[in-house]
PDB file of N, CA and C in Angstrom:
ATOM      1  N   MET A   1     168.725 130.770 173.750  1.00  0.00           N
ATOM      2  CA  MET A   1     168.219 131.820 172.927  1.00  0.00           C
ATOM      3  C   MET A   1     169.318 132.861 172.731  1.00  0.00           C
ATOM      4  N   THR A   2     169.451 133.349 171.500  1.00  0.00           N
ATOM      5  CA  THR A   2     170.459 134.349 171.173  1.00  0.00           C
ATOM      6  C   THR A   2     169.764 135.641 170.760  1.00  0.00           C
ATOM      7  N   VAL A   3     170.247 136.743 171.257  1.00  0.00           N
ATOM      8  CA  VAL A   3     169.696 138.044 170.892  1.00  0.00           C
ATOM      9  C   VAL A   3     170.193 138.408 169.498  1.00  0.00           C
ATOM     10  N   SER A   4     169.278 138.867 168.639  1.00  0.00           N
ATOM     11  CA  SER A   4     169.626 139.229 167.268  1.00  0.00           C
ATOM     12  C   SER A   4     170.434 140.518 167.228  1.00  0.00           C
ATOM     13  N   SER A   5     171.311 140.591 166.241  1.00  0.00           N
ATOM     14  CA  SER A   5     172.081 141.811 166.010  1.00  0.00           C
ATOM     15  C   SER A   5     171.251 142.840 165.247  1.00  0.00           C
ATOM     16  N   GLY A   6     170.113 142.408 164.724  1.00  0.00           N
ATOM     17  CA  GLY A   6     169.298 143.276 163.876  1.00  0.00           C
ATOM     18  C   GLY A   6     169.517 142.991 162.405  1.00  0.00           C
ATOM     19  N   ASN A   7     170.473 142.129 162.099  1.00  0.00           N
ATOM     20  CA  ASN A   7     170.750 141.736 160.720  1.00  0.00           C
ATOM     21  C   ASN A   7     170.868 140.214 160.697  1.00  0.00           C
ATOM     22  N   VAL A   8     169.895 139.575 160.090  1.00  0.00           N
ATOM     23  CA  VAL A   8     169.847 138.111 160.073  1.00  0.00           C
ATOM     24  C   VAL A   8     171.102 137.517 159.434  1.00  0.00           C
ATOM     25  N   PHE A   9     171.675 138.188 158.445  1.00  0.00           N
ATOM     26  CA  PHE A   9     172.856 137.657 157.772  1.00  0.00           C
ATOM     27  C   PHE A   9     174.085 137.683 158.687  1.00  0.00           C
ATOM     28  N   GLU A  10     174.186 138.706 159.496  1.00  0.00           N
ATOM     29  CA  GLU A  10     175.273 138.761 160.470  1.00  0.00           C
ATOM     30  C   GLU A  10     175.064 137.674 161.524  1.00  0.00           C
ATOM     31  N   ASP A  11     173.809 137.477 161.923  1.00  0.00           N
ATOM     32  CA  ASP A  11     173.492 136.422 162.887  1.00  0.00           C
ATOM     33  C   ASP A  11     173.833 135.040 162.339  1.00  0.00           C
ATOM     34  N   LEU A  12     173.769 134.891 161.019  1.00  0.00           N
ATOM     35  CA  LEU A  12     174.095 133.612 160.385  1.00  0.00           C
ATOM     36  C   LEU A  12     175.602 133.408 160.205  1.00  0.00           C
ATOM     37  N   GLY A  13     176.391 134.415 160.572  1.00  0.00           N
ATOM     38  CA  GLY A  13     177.840 134.244 160.542  1.00  0.00           C
ATOM     39  C   GLY A  13     178.564 134.959 159.424  1.00  0.00           C
ATOM     40  N   PHE A  14     177.853 135.712 158.597  1.00  0.00           N
ATOM     41  CA  PHE A  14     178.528 136.479 157.553  1.00  0.00           C
ATOM     42  C   PHE A  14     179.277 137.646 158.184  1.00  0.00           C
ATOM     43  N   ALA A  15     180.357 138.052 157.541  1.00  0.00           N
ATOM     44  CA  ALA A  15     181.115 139.209 158.006  1.00  0.00           C
ATOM     45  C   ALA A  15     180.193 140.427 158.024  1.00  0.00           C
ATOM     46  N   PRO A  16     180.381 141.331 158.978  1.00  0.00           N
ATOM     47  CA  PRO A  16     179.477 142.477 159.097  1.00  0.00           C
ATOM     48  C   PRO A  16     179.311 143.296 157.818  1.00  0.00           C
ATOM     49  N   ASP A  17     180.390 143.518 157.069  1.00  0.00           N
ATOM     50  CA  ASP A  17     180.272 144.308 155.840  1.00  0.00           C
ATOM     51  C   ASP A  17     179.471 143.559 154.772  1.00  0.00           C
ATOM     52  N   GLU A  18     179.710 142.275 154.657  1.00  0.00           N
ATOM     53  CA  GLU A  18     178.974 141.454 153.696  1.00  0.00           C
ATOM     54  C   GLU A  18     177.507 141.350 154.114  1.00  0.00           C
ATOM     55  N   ALA A  19     177.257 141.189 155.396  1.00  0.00           N
ATOM     56  CA  ALA A  19     175.892 141.089 155.909  1.00  0.00           C
ATOM     57  C   ALA A  19     175.108 142.371 155.645  1.00  0.00           C
ATOM     58  N   ALA A  20     175.762 143.512 155.779  1.00  0.00           N
ATOM     59  CA  ALA A  20     175.098 144.791 155.534  1.00  0.00           C
ATOM     60  C   ALA A  20     174.676 144.911 154.067  1.00  0.00           C
ATOM     61  N   ALA A  21     175.555 144.513 153.150  1.00  0.00           N
ATOM     62  CA  ALA A  21     175.225 144.557 151.719  1.00  0.00           C
ATOM     63  C   ALA A  21     174.107 143.574 151.386  1.00  0.00           C
ATOM     64  N   MET A  22     174.152 142.402 151.991  1.00  0.00           N
ATOM     65  CA  MET A  22     173.113 141.400 151.749  1.00  0.00           C
ATOM     66  C   MET A  22     171.755 141.907 152.242  1.00  0.00           C
ATOM     67  N   LEU A  23     171.738 142.528 153.404  1.00  0.00           N
ATOM     68  CA  LEU A  23     170.494 143.056 153.947  1.00  0.00           C
ATOM     69  C   LEU A  23     169.943 144.175 153.055  1.00  0.00           C
ATOM     70  N   ALA A  24     170.815 145.019 152.531  1.00  0.00           N
ATOM     71  CA  ALA A  24     170.374 146.091 151.636  1.00  0.00           C
ATOM     72  C   ALA A  24     169.729 145.516 150.379  1.00  0.00           C
ATOM     73  N   ARG A  25     170.348 144.510 149.782  1.00  0.00           N
ATOM     74  CA  ARG A  25     169.774 143.890 148.577  1.00  0.00           C
ATOM     75  C   ARG A  25     168.445 143.226 148.876  1.00  0.00           C
ATOM     76  N   GLU A  26     168.359 142.532 149.998  1.00  0.00           N
ATOM     77  CA  GLU A  26     167.096 141.884 150.390  1.00  0.00           C
ATOM     78  C   GLU A  26     165.990 142.916 150.557  1.00  0.00           C
ATOM     79  N   THR A  27     166.304 144.010 151.222  1.00  0.00           N
ATOM     80  CA  THR A  27     165.311 145.061 151.442  1.00  0.00           C
ATOM     81  C   THR A  27     164.812 145.615 150.116  1.00  0.00           C
ATOM     82  N   LEU A  28     165.724 145.842 149.184  1.00  0.00           N
ATOM     83  CA  LEU A  28     165.349 146.391 147.884  1.00  0.00           C
ATOM     84  C   LEU A  28     164.529 145.408 147.053  1.00  0.00           C
ATOM     85  N   ILE A  29     164.924 144.146 147.016  1.00  0.00           N
ATOM     86  CA  ILE A  29     164.190 143.187 146.184  1.00  0.00           C
ATOM     87  C   ILE A  29     162.794 142.923 146.757  1.00  0.00           C
ATOM     88  N   ILE A  30     162.665 142.944 148.072  1.00  0.00           N
ATOM     89  CA  ILE A  30     161.347 142.772 148.681  1.00  0.00           C
ATOM     90  C   ILE A  30     160.441 143.947 148.319  1.00  0.00           C
ATOM     91  N   ALA A  31     160.971 145.161 148.365  1.00  0.00           N
ATOM     92  CA  ALA A  31     160.181 146.339 148.000  1.00  0.00           C
ATOM     93  C   ALA A  31     159.752 146.269 146.535  1.00  0.00           C
ATOM     94  N   LEU A  32     160.663 145.850 145.655  1.00  0.00           N
ATOM     95  CA  LEU A  32     160.344 145.749 144.236  1.00  0.00           C
ATOM     96  C   LEU A  32     159.302 144.658 144.000  1.00  0.00           C
ATOM     97  N   GLU A  33     159.478 143.527 144.627  1.00  0.00           N
ATOM     98  CA  GLU A  33     158.529 142.420 144.480  1.00  0.00           C
ATOM     99  C   GLU A  33     157.132 142.837 144.936  1.00  0.00           C
ATOM    100  N   LYS A  34     157.032 143.522 146.073  1.00  0.00           N
ATOM    101  CA  LYS A  34     155.737 143.981 146.570  1.00  0.00           C
ATOM    102  C   LYS A  34     155.079 144.951 145.590  1.00  0.00           C
ATOM    103  N   GLU A  35     155.875 145.872 145.059  1.00  0.00           N
ATOM    104  CA  GLU A  35     155.333 146.848 144.107  1.00  0.00           C
ATOM    105  C   GLU A  35     154.806 146.150 142.863  1.00  0.00           C
ATOM    106  N   LEU A  36     155.559 145.201 142.337  1.00  0.00           N
ATOM    107  CA  LEU A  36     155.142 144.513 141.116  1.00  0.00           C
ATOM    108  C   LEU A  36     153.908 143.644 141.359  1.00  0.00           C
ATOM    109  N   LYS A  37     153.849 142.961 142.481  1.00  0.00           N
ATOM    110  CA  LYS A  37     152.677 142.140 142.805  1.00  0.00           C
ATOM    111  C   LYS A  37     151.436 143.005 142.975  1.00  0.00           C
ATOM    112  N   LYS A  38     151.621 144.184 143.573  1.00  0.00           N
ATOM    113  CA  LYS A  38     150.517 145.097 143.805  1.00  0.00           C
ATOM    114  C   LYS A  38     149.845 145.507 142.493  1.00  0.00           C
ATOM    115  N   ARG A  39     150.611 145.561 141.427  1.00  0.00           N
ATOM    116  CA  ARG A  39     150.082 145.976 140.132  1.00  0.00           C
ATOM    117  C   ARG A  39     149.172 144.929 139.499  1.00  0.00           C
ATOM    118  N   GLY A  40     149.327 143.669 139.907  1.00  0.00           N
ATOM    119  CA  GLY A  40     148.449 142.612 139.431  1.00  0.00           C
ATOM    120  C   GLY A  40     148.504 142.357 137.933  1.00  0.00           C
ATOM    121  N   LYS A  41     149.670 142.533 137.351  1.00  0.00           N
ATOM    122  CA  LYS A  41     149.833 142.337 135.912  1.00  0.00           C
ATOM    123  C   LYS A  41     150.661 141.093 135.634  1.00  0.00           C
ATOM    124  N   LYS A  42     150.614 140.668 134.389  1.00  0.00           N
ATOM    125  CA  LYS A  42     151.439 139.534 133.966  1.00  0.00           C
ATOM    126  C   LYS A  42     152.898 139.977 133.897  1.00  0.00           C
ATOM    127  N   GLN A  43     153.776 138.984 134.002  1.00  0.00           N
ATOM    128  CA  GLN A  43     155.211 139.287 134.001  1.00  0.00           C
ATOM    129  C   GLN A  43     155.647 140.018 132.738  1.00  0.00           C
ATOM    130  N   GLN A  44     155.116 139.655 131.596  1.00  0.00           N
ATOM    131  CA  GLN A  44     155.518 140.319 130.351  1.00  0.00           C
ATOM    132  C   GLN A  44     155.097 141.783 130.351  1.00  0.00           C
ATOM    133  N   GLU A  45     153.923 142.069 130.890  1.00  0.00           N
ATOM    134  CA  GLU A  45     153.466 143.462 130.976  1.00  0.00           C
ATOM    135  C   GLU A  45     154.387 144.266 131.895  1.00  0.00           C
ATOM    136  N   LEU A  46     154.753 143.679 133.011  1.00  0.00           N
ATOM    137  CA  LEU A  46     155.668 144.347 133.934  1.00  0.00           C
ATOM    138  C   LEU A  46     157.037 144.557 133.298  1.00  0.00           C
ATOM    139  N   ALA A  47     157.501 143.558 132.574  1.00  0.00           N
ATOM    140  CA  ALA A  47     158.796 143.655 131.898  1.00  0.00           C
ATOM    141  C   ALA A  47     158.781 144.791 130.883  1.00  0.00           C
ATOM    142  N   ASP A  48     157.689 144.891 130.131  1.00  0.00           N
ATOM    143  CA  ASP A  48     157.576 145.968 129.147  1.00  0.00           C
ATOM    144  C   ASP A  48     157.583 147.336 129.826  1.00  0.00           C
ATOM    145  N   GLU A  49     156.893 147.448 130.949  1.00  0.00           N
ATOM    146  CA  GLU A  49     156.861 148.714 131.684  1.00  0.00           C
ATOM    147  C   GLU A  49     158.245 149.120 132.198  1.00  0.00           C
ATOM    148  N   LEU A  50     159.024 148.135 132.657  1.00  0.00           N
ATOM    149  CA  LEU A  50     160.330 148.433 133.235  1.00  0.00           C
ATOM    150  C   LEU A  50     161.472 148.378 132.225  1.00  0.00           C
ATOM    151  N   GLY A  51     161.162 147.935 131.008  1.00  0.00           N
ATOM    152  CA  GLY A  51     162.191 147.880 129.968  1.00  0.00           C
ATOM    153  C   GLY A  51     163.228 146.797 130.186  1.00  0.00           C
ATOM    154  N   VAL A  52     162.773 145.652 130.697  1.00  0.00           N
ATOM    155  CA  VAL A  52     163.674 144.527 130.948  1.00  0.00           C
ATOM    156  C   VAL A  52     163.057 143.262 130.354  1.00  0.00           C
ATOM    157  N   PRO A  53     163.867 142.219 130.149  1.00  0.00           N
ATOM    158  CA  PRO A  53     163.296 140.946 129.690  1.00  0.00           C
ATOM    159  C   PRO A  53     162.385 140.344 130.768  1.00  0.00           C
ATOM    160  N   ARG A  54     161.409 139.566 130.348  1.00  0.00           N
ATOM    161  CA  ARG A  54     160.480 138.927 131.281  1.00  0.00           C
ATOM    162  C   ARG A  54     161.209 138.071 132.312  1.00  0.00           C
ATOM    163  N   THR A  55     162.326 137.482 131.897  1.00  0.00           N
ATOM    164  CA  THR A  55     163.076 136.633 132.828  1.00  0.00           C
ATOM    165  C   THR A  55     163.554 137.408 134.052  1.00  0.00           C
ATOM    166  N   ARG A  56     163.851 138.692 133.889  1.00  0.00           N
ATOM    167  CA  ARG A  56     164.285 139.510 135.039  1.00  0.00           C
ATOM    168  C   ARG A  56     163.139 139.684 136.036  1.00  0.00           C
ATOM    169  N   ILE A  57     161.922 139.832 135.519  1.00  0.00           N
ATOM    170  CA  ILE A  57     160.749 139.946 136.396  1.00  0.00           C
ATOM    171  C   ILE A  57     160.551 138.630 137.135  1.00  0.00           C
ATOM    172  N   SER A  58     160.711 137.531 136.432  1.00  0.00           N
ATOM    173  CA  SER A  58     160.590 136.217 137.056  1.00  0.00           C
ATOM    174  C   SER A  58     161.612 136.056 138.174  1.00  0.00           C
ATOM    175  N   GLU A  59     162.822 136.530 137.946  1.00  0.00           N
ATOM    176  CA  GLU A  59     163.863 136.436 138.970  1.00  0.00           C
ATOM    177  C   GLU A  59     163.499 137.250 140.205  1.00  0.00           C
ATOM    178  N   VAL A  60     162.886 138.405 140.007  1.00  0.00           N
ATOM    179  CA  VAL A  60     162.424 139.206 141.147  1.00  0.00           C
ATOM    180  C   VAL A  60     161.334 138.449 141.898  1.00  0.00           C
ATOM    181  N   MET A  61     160.354 137.943 141.149  1.00  0.00           N
ATOM    182  CA  MET A  61     159.207 137.268 141.772  1.00  0.00           C
ATOM    183  C   MET A  61     159.603 135.975 142.481  1.00  0.00           C
ATOM    184  N   HIS A  62     160.684 135.359 142.028  1.00  0.00           N
ATOM    185  CA  HIS A  62     161.170 134.135 142.679  1.00  0.00           C
ATOM    186  C   HIS A  62     162.326 134.426 143.635  1.00  0.00           C
ATOM    187  N   HIS A  63     162.498 135.710 143.924  1.00  0.00           N
ATOM    188  CA  HIS A  63     163.442 136.172 144.942  1.00  0.00           C
ATOM    189  C   HIS A  63     164.876 135.686 144.677  1.00  0.00           C
ATOM    190  N   LYS A  64     165.309 135.824 143.441  1.00  0.00           N
ATOM    191  CA  LYS A  64     166.677 135.433 143.063  1.00  0.00           C
ATOM    192  C   LYS A  64     167.612 136.628 143.290  1.00  0.00           C
ATOM    193  N   VAL A  65     167.743 137.031 144.532  1.00  0.00           N
ATOM    194  CA  VAL A  65     168.471 138.243 144.881  1.00  0.00           C
ATOM    195  C   VAL A  65     169.927 138.205 144.440  1.00  0.00           C
ATOM    196  N   GLU A  66     170.506 137.022 144.375  1.00  0.00           N
ATOM    197  CA  GLU A  66     171.914 136.913 143.990  1.00  0.00           C
ATOM    198  C   GLU A  66     172.163 137.352 142.551  1.00  0.00           C
ATOM    199  N   ARG A  67     171.113 137.487 141.763  1.00  0.00           N
ATOM    200  CA  ARG A  67     171.248 137.887 140.356  1.00  0.00           C
ATOM    201  C   ARG A  67     171.179 139.396 140.150  1.00  0.00           C
ATOM    202  N   PHE A  68     171.056 140.142 141.250  1.00  0.00           N
ATOM    203  CA  PHE A  68     170.899 141.592 141.152  1.00  0.00           C
ATOM    204  C   PHE A  68     171.917 142.315 142.012  1.00  0.00           C
ATOM    205  N   SER A  69     172.448 143.382 141.471  1.00  0.00           N
ATOM    206  CA  SER A  69     173.298 144.274 142.265  1.00  0.00           C
ATOM    207  C   SER A  69     172.389 145.298 142.951  1.00  0.00           C
ATOM    208  N   ILE A  70     172.922 145.971 143.930  1.00  0.00           N
ATOM    209  CA  ILE A  70     172.168 147.042 144.577  1.00  0.00           C
ATOM    210  C   ILE A  70     171.817 148.106 143.553  1.00  0.00           C
ATOM    211  N   ASP A  71     172.767 148.456 142.684  1.00  0.00           N
ATOM    212  CA  ASP A  71     172.528 149.462 141.655  1.00  0.00           C
ATOM    213  C   ASP A  71     171.352 149.087 140.765  1.00  0.00           C
ATOM    214  N   ARG A  72     171.322 147.840 140.347  1.00  0.00           N
ATOM    215  CA  ARG A  72     170.256 147.380 139.447  1.00  0.00           C
ATOM    216  C   ARG A  72     168.897 147.417 140.136  1.00  0.00           C
ATOM    217  N   LEU A  73     168.852 147.016 141.380  1.00  0.00           N
ATOM    218  CA  LEU A  73     167.590 147.048 142.119  1.00  0.00           C
ATOM    219  C   LEU A  73     167.087 148.475 142.312  1.00  0.00           C
ATOM    220  N   VAL A  74     167.987 149.392 142.613  1.00  0.00           N
ATOM    221  CA  VAL A  74     167.601 150.797 142.755  1.00  0.00           C
ATOM    222  C   VAL A  74     167.055 151.320 141.425  1.00  0.00           C
ATOM    223  N   ALA A  75     167.715 150.987 140.326  1.00  0.00           N
ATOM    224  CA  ALA A  75     167.253 151.430 139.012  1.00  0.00           C
ATOM    225  C   ALA A  75     165.865 150.877 138.692  1.00  0.00           C
ATOM    226  N   LEU A  76     165.639 149.613 138.988  1.00  0.00           N
ATOM    227  CA  LEU A  76     164.333 149.010 138.719  1.00  0.00           C
ATOM    228  C   LEU A  76     163.243 149.627 139.595  1.00  0.00           C
ATOM    229  N   LEU A  77     163.555 149.890 140.835  1.00  0.00           N
ATOM    230  CA  LEU A  77     162.585 150.556 141.701  1.00  0.00           C
ATOM    231  C   LEU A  77     162.256 151.949 141.170  1.00  0.00           C
ATOM    232  N   HIS A  78     163.264 152.659 140.701  1.00  0.00           N
ATOM    233  CA  HIS A  78     163.035 153.984 140.115  1.00  0.00           C
ATOM    234  C   HIS A  78     162.118 153.884 138.895  1.00  0.00           C
ATOM    235  N   ARG A  79     162.388 152.916 138.026  1.00  0.00           N
ATOM    236  CA  ARG A  79     161.545 152.714 136.850  1.00  0.00           C
ATOM    237  C   ARG A  79     160.114 152.352 137.232  1.00  0.00           C
ATOM    238  N   ALA A  80     159.963 151.711 138.377  1.00  0.00           N
ATOM    239  CA  ALA A  80     158.636 151.329 138.867  1.00  0.00           C
ATOM    240  C   ALA A  80     157.935 152.498 139.573  1.00  0.00           C
ATOM    241  N   GLY A  81     158.620 153.644 139.618  1.00  0.00           N
ATOM    242  CA  GLY A  81     158.016 154.828 140.212  1.00  0.00           C
ATOM    243  C   GLY A  81     158.211 154.946 141.718  1.00  0.00           C
ATOM    244  N   LYS A  82     159.135 154.162 142.258  1.00  0.00           N
ATOM    245  CA  LYS A  82     159.400 154.207 143.687  1.00  0.00           C
ATOM    246  C   LYS A  82     160.641 155.041 143.965  1.00  0.00           C
ATOM    247  N   ARG A  83     160.636 155.707 145.087  1.00  0.00           N
ATOM    248  CA  ARG A  83     161.774 156.520 145.514  1.00  0.00           C
ATOM    249  C   ARG A  83     162.558 155.713 146.544  1.00  0.00           C
ATOM    250  N   VAL A  84     163.843 155.605 146.357  1.00  0.00           N
ATOM    251  CA  VAL A  84     164.695 154.883 147.299  1.00  0.00           C
ATOM    252  C   VAL A  84     165.440 155.936 148.126  1.00  0.00           C
ATOM    253  N   GLU A  85     165.328 155.814 149.435  1.00  0.00           N
ATOM    254  CA  GLU A  85     166.038 156.709 150.343  1.00  0.00           C
ATOM    255  C   GLU A  85     167.074 155.910 151.102  1.00  0.00           C
ATOM    256  N   LEU A  86     168.222 156.495 151.311  1.00  0.00           N
ATOM    257  CA  LEU A  86     169.325 155.842 152.008  1.00  0.00           C
ATOM    258  C   LEU A  86     169.570 156.547 153.333  1.00  0.00           C
ATOM    259  N   ARG A  87     169.710 155.753 154.374  1.00  0.00           N
ATOM    260  CA  ARG A  87     170.003 156.314 155.691  1.00  0.00           C
ATOM    261  C   ARG A  87     171.245 155.632 156.243  1.00  0.00           C
ATOM    262  N   VAL A  88     172.175 156.415 156.689  1.00  0.00           N
ATOM    263  CA  VAL A  88     173.412 155.888 157.278  1.00  0.00           C
ATOM    264  C   VAL A  88     173.412 156.266 158.744  1.00  0.00           C
ATOM    265  N   SER A  89     173.688 155.265 159.584  1.00  0.00           N
ATOM    266  CA  SER A  89     173.724 155.578 161.024  1.00  0.00           C
ATOM    267  C   SER A  89     174.955 154.955 161.649  1.00  0.00           C
TER     268      SER A  89
END
């Protein structure tokens, strides 16, 4: 048994800086996906609300995190009415 570092990507062997960025993107896309699912609307309705093509909503719902930058995820969360807070430790 191995004790986790607290970042699954670092545990999988990614460099610490890369693992930190990957974890940040995962956290953001999960928050966005939860918010969109909570609304219970069709993908096209969500796309219209956020001002993006329906395919972008599909990518969020299918967890295609590699297609999004941190900046883009923060912007989409903002458009969805969510506040993103950053903590550095």
